[in-house]
Amino acid sequence: MNAKTIALLERTFKFGIRILKFVNTLPDNVVYRIPKGQLGRSAPSIGSNYEEAQGAVSKRDFNNKIGICYKESRESVYW
């Protein structure tokens, strides 16, 4: 793996952790329940899907997994 890939793996992992810590600070009530759950799933998923992309079996598989990272990042921005 090259240095840029390793750096992005670390950044996406740390981002997921920071989001989970942030979500944990939000009040636990009806208003925040859905956004907390959605953001708590989509943000860490960026890093896990990027990690999975590193083991892709083909270029097409890699591109598909990177596309999932992109979708999860857009969802995180929404929430």
PDB file of N, CA and C in Angstrom:
ATOM      1  N   MET A   1       0.841  -1.178   0.000  1.00  0.00           N
ATOM      2  CA  MET A   1       0.000   0.000   0.000  1.00  0.00           C
ATOM      3  C   MET A   1       0.885   1.240   0.000  1.00  0.00           C
ATOM      4  N   ASN A   2       0.463   2.234  -0.748  1.00  0.00           N
ATOM      5  CA  ASN A   2       1.260   3.447  -0.777  1.00  0.00           C
ATOM      6  C   ASN A   2       0.892   4.375   0.385  1.00  0.00           C
ATOM      7  N   ALA A   3       1.673   5.407   0.581  1.00  0.00           N
ATOM      8  CA  ALA A   3       1.506   6.307   1.727  1.00  0.00           C
ATOM      9  C   ALA A   3       0.159   7.033   1.703  1.00  0.00           C
ATOM     10  N   LYS A   4      -0.309   7.420   0.514  1.00  0.00           N
ATOM     11  CA  LYS A   4      -1.595   8.118   0.417  1.00  0.00           C
ATOM     12  C   LYS A   4      -2.752   7.212   0.831  1.00  0.00           C
ATOM     13  N   THR A   5      -2.679   5.964   0.435  1.00  0.00           N
ATOM     14  CA  THR A   5      -3.727   5.009   0.806  1.00  0.00           C
ATOM     15  C   THR A   5      -3.747   4.800   2.310  1.00  0.00           C
ATOM     16  N   ILE A   6      -2.578   4.626   2.895  1.00  0.00           N
ATOM     17  CA  ILE A   6      -2.484   4.436   4.347  1.00  0.00           C
ATOM     18  C   ILE A   6      -3.006   5.665   5.082  1.00  0.00           C
ATOM     19  N   ALA A   7      -2.642   6.856   4.596  1.00  0.00           N
ATOM     20  CA  ALA A   7      -3.113   8.096   5.228  1.00  0.00           C
ATOM     21  C   ALA A   7      -4.632   8.200   5.158  1.00  0.00           C
ATOM     22  N   LEU A   8      -5.219   7.843   4.015  1.00  0.00           N
ATOM     23  CA  LEU A   8      -6.676   7.922   3.885  1.00  0.00           C
ATOM     24  C   LEU A   8      -7.367   6.881   4.752  1.00  0.00           C
ATOM     25  N   LEU A   9      -6.787   5.715   4.883  1.00  0.00           N
ATOM     26  CA  LEU A   9      -7.345   4.697   5.781  1.00  0.00           C
ATOM     27  C   LEU A   9      -7.365   5.225   7.219  1.00  0.00           C
ATOM     28  N   GLU A  10      -6.281   5.849   7.639  1.00  0.00           N
ATOM     29  CA  GLU A  10      -6.212   6.403   8.994  1.00  0.00           C
ATOM     30  C   GLU A  10      -7.196   7.544   9.181  1.00  0.00           C
ATOM     31  N   ARG A  11      -7.279   8.432   8.184  1.00  0.00           N
ATOM     32  CA  ARG A  11      -8.187   9.580   8.293  1.00  0.00           C
ATOM     33  C   ARG A  11      -9.643   9.149   8.342  1.00  0.00           C
ATOM     34  N   THR A  12     -10.020   8.181   7.511  1.00  0.00           N
ATOM     35  CA  THR A  12     -11.419   7.751   7.512  1.00  0.00           C
ATOM     36  C   THR A  12     -11.760   7.018   8.809  1.00  0.00           C
ATOM     37  N   PHE A  13     -10.789   6.279   9.355  1.00  0.00           N
ATOM     38  CA  PHE A  13     -11.020   5.607  10.635  1.00  0.00           C
ATOM     39  C   PHE A  13     -11.215   6.640  11.751  1.00  0.00           C
ATOM     40  N   LYS A  14     -10.326   7.618  11.805  1.00  0.00           N
ATOM     41  CA  LYS A  14     -10.425   8.661  12.840  1.00  0.00           C
ATOM     42  C   LYS A  14     -11.699   9.481  12.689  1.00  0.00           C
ATOM     43  N   PHE A  15     -12.104   9.731  11.443  1.00  0.00           N
ATOM     44  CA  PHE A  15     -13.354  10.452  11.198  1.00  0.00           C
ATOM     45  C   PHE A  15     -14.534   9.684  11.780  1.00  0.00           C
ATOM     46  N   GLY A  16     -14.587   8.387  11.524  1.00  0.00           N
ATOM     47  CA  GLY A  16     -15.673   7.563  12.063  1.00  0.00           C
ATOM     48  C   GLY A  16     -15.712   7.597  13.576  1.00  0.00           C
ATOM     49  N   ILE A  17     -14.549   7.530  14.214  1.00  0.00           N
ATOM     50  CA  ILE A  17     -14.479   7.582  15.678  1.00  0.00           C
ATOM     51  C   ILE A  17     -14.956   8.934  16.193  1.00  0.00           C
ATOM     52  N   ARG A  18     -14.507  10.017  15.547  1.00  0.00           N
ATOM     53  CA  ARG A  18     -14.927  11.362  15.976  1.00  0.00           C
ATOM     54  C   ARG A  18     -16.436  11.537  15.851  1.00  0.00           C
ATOM     55  N   ILE A  19     -17.015  11.012  14.771  1.00  0.00           N
ATOM     56  CA  ILE A  19     -18.466  11.129  14.592  1.00  0.00           C
ATOM     57  C   ILE A  19     -19.203  10.341  15.669  1.00  0.00           C
ATOM     58  N   LEU A  20     -18.729   9.136  15.989  1.00  0.00           N
ATOM     59  CA  LEU A  20     -19.378   8.350  17.042  1.00  0.00           C
ATOM     60  C   LEU A  20     -19.307   9.061  18.391  1.00  0.00           C
ATOM     61  N   LYS A  21     -18.176   9.697  18.672  1.00  0.00           N
ATOM     62  CA  LYS A  21     -18.059  10.462  19.920  1.00  0.00           C
ATOM     63  C   LYS A  21     -19.012  11.651  19.910  1.00  0.00           C
ATOM     64  N   PHE A  22     -19.122  12.324  18.764  1.00  0.00           N
ATOM     65  CA  PHE A  22     -20.047  13.455  18.646  1.00  0.00           C
ATOM     66  C   PHE A  22     -21.492  12.999  18.842  1.00  0.00           C
ATOM     67  N   VAL A  23     -21.869  11.928  18.153  1.00  0.00           N
ATOM     68  CA  VAL A  23     -23.237  11.413  18.250  1.00  0.00           C
ATOM     69  C   VAL A  23     -23.572  11.069  19.702  1.00  0.00           C
ATOM     70  N   ASN A  24     -22.598  10.587  20.422  1.00  0.00           N
ATOM     71  CA  ASN A  24     -22.811  10.223  21.822  1.00  0.00           C
ATOM     72  C   ASN A  24     -23.108  11.439  22.700  1.00  0.00           C
ATOM     73  N   THR A  25     -22.737  12.631  22.249  1.00  0.00           N
ATOM     74  CA  THR A  25     -23.000  13.838  23.042  1.00  0.00           C
ATOM     75  C   THR A  25     -24.407  14.394  22.813  1.00  0.00           C
ATOM     76  N   LEU A  26     -25.080  13.942  21.764  1.00  0.00           N
ATOM     77  CA  LEU A  26     -26.421  14.439  21.468  1.00  0.00           C
ATOM     78  C   LEU A  26     -27.435  13.871  22.464  1.00  0.00           C
ATOM     79  N   PRO A  27     -28.466  14.650  22.776  1.00  0.00           N
ATOM     80  CA  PRO A  27     -29.490  14.156  23.707  1.00  0.00           C
ATOM     81  C   PRO A  27     -30.163  12.890  23.183  1.00  0.00           C
ATOM     82  N   ASP A  28     -30.566  12.044  24.099  1.00  0.00           N
ATOM     83  CA  ASP A  28     -31.252  10.810  23.719  1.00  0.00           C
ATOM     84  C   ASP A  28     -32.752  11.026  23.841  1.00  0.00           C
ATOM     85  N   ASN A  29     -33.317  11.635  22.785  1.00  0.00           N
ATOM     86  CA  ASN A  29     -34.758  11.834  22.756  1.00  0.00           C
ATOM     87  C   ASN A  29     -35.295  11.540  21.362  1.00  0.00           C
ATOM     88  N   VAL A  30     -36.582  11.656  21.201  1.00  0.00           N
ATOM     89  CA  VAL A  30     -37.245  11.280  19.951  1.00  0.00           C
ATOM     90  C   VAL A  30     -36.713  12.086  18.764  1.00  0.00           C
ATOM     91  N   VAL A  31     -36.435  13.355  18.966  1.00  0.00           N
ATOM     92  CA  VAL A  31     -35.991  14.225  17.879  1.00  0.00           C
ATOM     93  C   VAL A  31     -34.648  13.775  17.310  1.00  0.00           C
ATOM     94  N   TYR A  32     -33.731  13.356  18.158  1.00  0.00           N
ATOM     95  CA  TYR A  32     -32.386  13.002  17.723  1.00  0.00           C
ATOM     96  C   TYR A  32     -32.198  11.515  17.415  1.00  0.00           C
ATOM     97  N   ARG A  33     -33.171  10.692  17.745  1.00  0.00           N
ATOM     98  CA  ARG A  33     -32.979   9.246  17.617  1.00  0.00           C
ATOM     99  C   ARG A  33     -32.615   8.812  16.195  1.00  0.00           C
ATOM    100  N   ILE A  34     -33.381   9.240  15.213  1.00  0.00           N
ATOM    101  CA  ILE A  34     -33.116   8.819  13.829  1.00  0.00           C
ATOM    102  C   ILE A  34     -31.820   9.430  13.292  1.00  0.00           C
ATOM    103  N   PRO A  35     -31.615  10.751  13.411  1.00  0.00           N
ATOM    104  CA  PRO A  35     -30.339  11.298  12.914  1.00  0.00           C
ATOM    105  C   PRO A  35     -29.114  10.676  13.591  1.00  0.00           C
ATOM    106  N   LYS A  36     -29.187  10.418  14.897  1.00  0.00           N
ATOM    107  CA  LYS A  36     -28.059   9.792  15.590  1.00  0.00           C
ATOM    108  C   LYS A  36     -27.763   8.414  15.014  1.00  0.00           C
ATOM    109  N   GLY A  37     -28.795   7.649  14.791  1.00  0.00           N
ATOM    110  CA  GLY A  37     -28.613   6.305  14.258  1.00  0.00           C
ATOM    111  C   GLY A  37     -28.058   6.311  12.838  1.00  0.00           C
ATOM    112  N   GLN A  38     -28.631   7.176  12.000  1.00  0.00           N
ATOM    113  CA  GLN A  38     -28.201   7.228  10.605  1.00  0.00           C
ATOM    114  C   GLN A  38     -26.756   7.711  10.485  1.00  0.00           C
ATOM    115  N   LEU A  39     -26.426   8.786  11.196  1.00  0.00           N
ATOM    116  CA  LEU A  39     -25.066   9.318  11.145  1.00  0.00           C
ATOM    117  C   LEU A  39     -24.081   8.350  11.786  1.00  0.00           C
ATOM    118  N   GLY A  40     -24.516   7.696  12.858  1.00  0.00           N
ATOM    119  CA  GLY A  40     -23.657   6.731  13.535  1.00  0.00           C
ATOM    120  C   GLY A  40     -23.350   5.506  12.698  1.00  0.00           C
ATOM    121  N   ARG A  41     -24.179   5.236  11.701  1.00  0.00           N
ATOM    122  CA  ARG A  41     -23.918   4.110  10.801  1.00  0.00           C
ATOM    123  C   ARG A  41     -23.181   4.547   9.536  1.00  0.00           C
ATOM    124  N   SER A  42     -23.578   5.690   8.973  1.00  0.00           N
ATOM    125  CA  SER A  42     -23.012   6.078   7.673  1.00  0.00           C
ATOM    126  C   SER A  42     -21.575   6.587   7.773  1.00  0.00           C
ATOM    127  N   ALA A  43     -21.248   7.369   8.779  1.00  0.00           N
ATOM    128  CA  ALA A  43     -19.895   7.947   8.867  1.00  0.00           C
ATOM    129  C   ALA A  43     -18.804   6.887   9.065  1.00  0.00           C
ATOM    130  N   PRO A  44     -18.949   5.964  10.019  1.00  0.00           N
ATOM    131  CA  PRO A  44     -17.906   4.927  10.145  1.00  0.00           C
ATOM    132  C   PRO A  44     -17.859   3.986   8.945  1.00  0.00           C
ATOM    133  N   SER A  45     -18.966   3.888   8.231  1.00  0.00           N
ATOM    134  CA  SER A  45     -19.024   3.012   7.065  1.00  0.00           C
ATOM    135  C   SER A  45     -18.097   3.484   5.952  1.00  0.00           C
ATOM    136  N   ILE A  46     -17.790   4.769   5.914  1.00  0.00           N
ATOM    137  CA  ILE A  46     -16.878   5.291   4.893  1.00  0.00           C
ATOM    138  C   ILE A  46     -15.529   4.586   5.016  1.00  0.00           C
ATOM    139  N   GLY A  47     -14.989   4.572   6.217  1.00  0.00           N
ATOM    140  CA  GLY A  47     -13.689   3.938   6.439  1.00  0.00           C
ATOM    141  C   GLY A  47     -13.724   2.432   6.259  1.00  0.00           C
ATOM    142  N   SER A  48     -14.786   1.806   6.722  1.00  0.00           N
ATOM    143  CA  SER A  48     -14.838   0.344   6.594  1.00  0.00           C
ATOM    144  C   SER A  48     -14.961  -0.069   5.133  1.00  0.00           C
ATOM    145  N   ASN A  49     -15.702   0.688   4.346  1.00  0.00           N
ATOM    146  CA  ASN A  49     -15.807   0.367   2.921  1.00  0.00           C
ATOM    147  C   ASN A  49     -14.515   0.681   2.180  1.00  0.00           C
ATOM    148  N   TYR A  50     -13.803   1.712   2.600  1.00  0.00           N
ATOM    149  CA  TYR A  50     -12.513   2.007   1.973  1.00  0.00           C
ATOM    150  C   TYR A  50     -11.511   0.901   2.303  1.00  0.00           C
ATOM    151  N   GLU A  51     -11.549   0.428   3.520  1.00  0.00           N
ATOM    152  CA  GLU A  51     -10.688  -0.700   3.905  1.00  0.00           C
ATOM    153  C   GLU A  51     -11.031  -1.924   3.069  1.00  0.00           C
ATOM    154  N   GLU A  52     -12.310  -2.187   2.901  1.00  0.00           N
ATOM    155  CA  GLU A  52     -12.735  -3.336   2.101  1.00  0.00           C
ATOM    156  C   GLU A  52     -12.312  -3.184   0.645  1.00  0.00           C
ATOM    157  N   ALA A  53     -12.308  -1.969   0.141  1.00  0.00           N
ATOM    158  CA  ALA A  53     -11.904  -1.725  -1.249  1.00  0.00           C
ATOM    159  C   ALA A  53     -10.451  -2.120  -1.486  1.00  0.00           C
ATOM    160  N   GLN A  54      -9.637  -2.070  -0.454  1.00  0.00           N
ATOM    161  CA  GLN A  54      -8.231  -2.425  -0.608  1.00  0.00           C
ATOM    162  C   GLN A  54      -8.060  -3.910  -0.939  1.00  0.00           C
ATOM    163  N   GLY A  55      -9.059  -4.710  -0.628  1.00  0.00           N
ATOM    164  CA  GLY A  55      -9.000  -6.134  -0.930  1.00  0.00           C
ATOM    165  C   GLY A  55      -9.843  -6.523  -2.129  1.00  0.00           C
ATOM    166  N   ALA A  56     -10.174  -5.554  -2.947  1.00  0.00           N
ATOM    167  CA  ALA A  56     -11.014  -5.827  -4.112  1.00  0.00           C
ATOM    168  C   ALA A  56     -10.341  -6.838  -5.043  1.00  0.00           C
ATOM    169  N   VAL A  57     -11.165  -7.640  -5.679  1.00  0.00           N
ATOM    170  CA  VAL A  57     -10.639  -8.692  -6.553  1.00  0.00           C
ATOM    171  C   VAL A  57     -10.438  -8.219  -7.993  1.00  0.00           C
ATOM    172  N   SER A  58     -10.985  -7.056  -8.320  1.00  0.00           N
ATOM    173  CA  SER A  58     -10.816  -6.513  -9.666  1.00  0.00           C
ATOM    174  C   SER A  58     -10.948  -4.996  -9.609  1.00  0.00           C
ATOM    175  N   LYS A  59     -10.592  -4.348 -10.689  1.00  0.00           N
ATOM    176  CA  LYS A  59     -10.735  -2.890 -10.776  1.00  0.00           C
ATOM    177  C   LYS A  59     -12.205  -2.498 -10.662  1.00  0.00           C
ATOM    178  N   ARG A  60     -13.074  -3.285 -11.284  1.00  0.00           N
ATOM    179  CA  ARG A  60     -14.510  -3.006 -11.216  1.00  0.00           C
ATOM    180  C   ARG A  60     -15.023  -3.134  -9.782  1.00  0.00           C
ATOM    181  N   ASP A  61     -14.583  -4.158  -9.073  1.00  0.00           N
ATOM    182  CA  ASP A  61     -14.952  -4.353  -7.675  1.00  0.00           C
ATOM    183  C   ASP A  61     -14.451  -3.183  -6.822  1.00  0.00           C
ATOM    184  N   PHE A  62     -13.207  -2.767  -7.072  1.00  0.00           N
ATOM    185  CA  PHE A  62     -12.635  -1.627  -6.352  1.00  0.00           C
ATOM    186  C   PHE A  62     -13.474  -0.373  -6.591  1.00  0.00           C
ATOM    187  N   ASN A  63     -13.794  -0.089  -7.838  1.00  0.00           N
ATOM    188  CA  ASN A  63     -14.586   1.100  -8.164  1.00  0.00           C
ATOM    189  C   ASN A  63     -15.959   1.058  -7.515  1.00  0.00           C
ATOM    190  N   ASN A  64     -16.555  -0.123  -7.461  1.00  0.00           N
ATOM    191  CA  ASN A  64     -17.857  -0.269  -6.824  1.00  0.00           C
ATOM    192  C   ASN A  64     -17.766   0.063  -5.336  1.00  0.00           C
ATOM    193  N   LYS A  65     -16.753  -0.436  -4.668  1.00  0.00           N
ATOM    194  CA  LYS A  65     -16.587  -0.188  -3.235  1.00  0.00           C
ATOM    195  C   LYS A  65     -16.260   1.279  -2.954  1.00  0.00           C
ATOM    196  N   ILE A  66     -15.483   1.902  -3.816  1.00  0.00           N
ATOM    197  CA  ILE A  66     -15.201   3.328  -3.667  1.00  0.00           C
ATOM    198  C   ILE A  66     -16.482   4.131  -3.883  1.00  0.00           C
ATOM    199  N   GLY A  67     -17.320   3.685  -4.794  1.00  0.00           N
ATOM    200  CA  GLY A  67     -18.619   4.332  -5.009  1.00  0.00           C
ATOM    201  C   GLY A  67     -19.485   4.261  -3.767  1.00  0.00           C
ATOM    202  N   ILE A  68     -19.417   3.158  -3.050  1.00  0.00           N
ATOM    203  CA  ILE A  68     -20.165   3.031  -1.802  1.00  0.00           C
ATOM    204  C   ILE A  68     -19.618   4.020  -0.766  1.00  0.00           C
ATOM    205  N   CYS A  69     -18.305   4.183  -0.722  1.00  0.00           N
ATOM    206  CA  CYS A  69     -17.703   5.180   0.180  1.00  0.00           C
ATOM    207  C   CYS A  69     -18.258   6.564  -0.121  1.00  0.00           C
ATOM    208  N   TYR A  70     -18.337   6.891  -1.405  1.00  0.00           N
ATOM    209  CA  TYR A  70     -18.855   8.189  -1.825  1.00  0.00           C
ATOM    210  C   TYR A  70     -20.304   8.369  -1.375  1.00  0.00           C
ATOM    211  N   LYS A  71     -21.126   7.346  -1.577  1.00  0.00           N
ATOM    212  CA  LYS A  71     -22.530   7.430  -1.173  1.00  0.00           C
ATOM    213  C   LYS A  71     -22.669   7.600   0.337  1.00  0.00           C
ATOM    214  N   GLU A  72     -21.864   6.858   1.096  1.00  0.00           N
ATOM    215  CA  GLU A  72     -21.921   6.959   2.552  1.00  0.00           C
ATOM    216  C   GLU A  72     -21.468   8.341   3.026  1.00  0.00           C
ATOM    217  N   SER A  73     -20.486   8.908   2.342  1.00  0.00           N
ATOM    218  CA  SER A  73     -20.028  10.247   2.736  1.00  0.00           C
ATOM    219  C   SER A  73     -21.100  11.291   2.444  1.00  0.00           C
ATOM    220  N   ARG A  74     -21.803  11.149   1.337  1.00  0.00           N
ATOM    221  CA  ARG A  74     -22.907  12.082   1.037  1.00  0.00           C
ATOM    222  C   ARG A  74     -24.025  11.930   2.060  1.00  0.00           C
ATOM    223  N   GLU A  75     -24.326  10.705   2.448  1.00  0.00           N
ATOM    224  CA  GLU A  75     -25.357  10.490   3.458  1.00  0.00           C
ATOM    225  C   GLU A  75     -24.946  11.111   4.779  1.00  0.00           C
ATOM    226  N   SER A  76     -23.676  10.990   5.126  1.00  0.00           N
ATOM    227  CA  SER A  76     -23.187  11.591   6.370  1.00  0.00           C
ATOM    228  C   SER A  76     -23.311  13.102   6.340  1.00  0.00           C
ATOM    229  N   VAL A  77     -23.029  13.703   5.193  1.00  0.00           N
ATOM    230  CA  VAL A  77     -23.192  15.153   5.061  1.00  0.00           C
ATOM    231  C   VAL A  77     -24.651  15.525   5.276  1.00  0.00           C
ATOM    232  N   TYR A  78     -25.556  14.741   4.731  1.00  0.00           N
ATOM    233  CA  TYR A  78     -26.985  15.019   4.895  1.00  0.00           C
ATOM    234  C   TYR A  78     -27.394  15.006   6.366  1.00  0.00           C
ATOM    235  N   TRP A  79     -27.006  13.952   7.073  1.00  0.00           N
ATOM    236  CA  TRP A  79     -27.408  13.826   8.464  1.00  0.00           C
ATOM    237  C   TRP A  79     -26.635  14.770   9.362  1.00  0.00           C
TER     238      TRP A  79
END
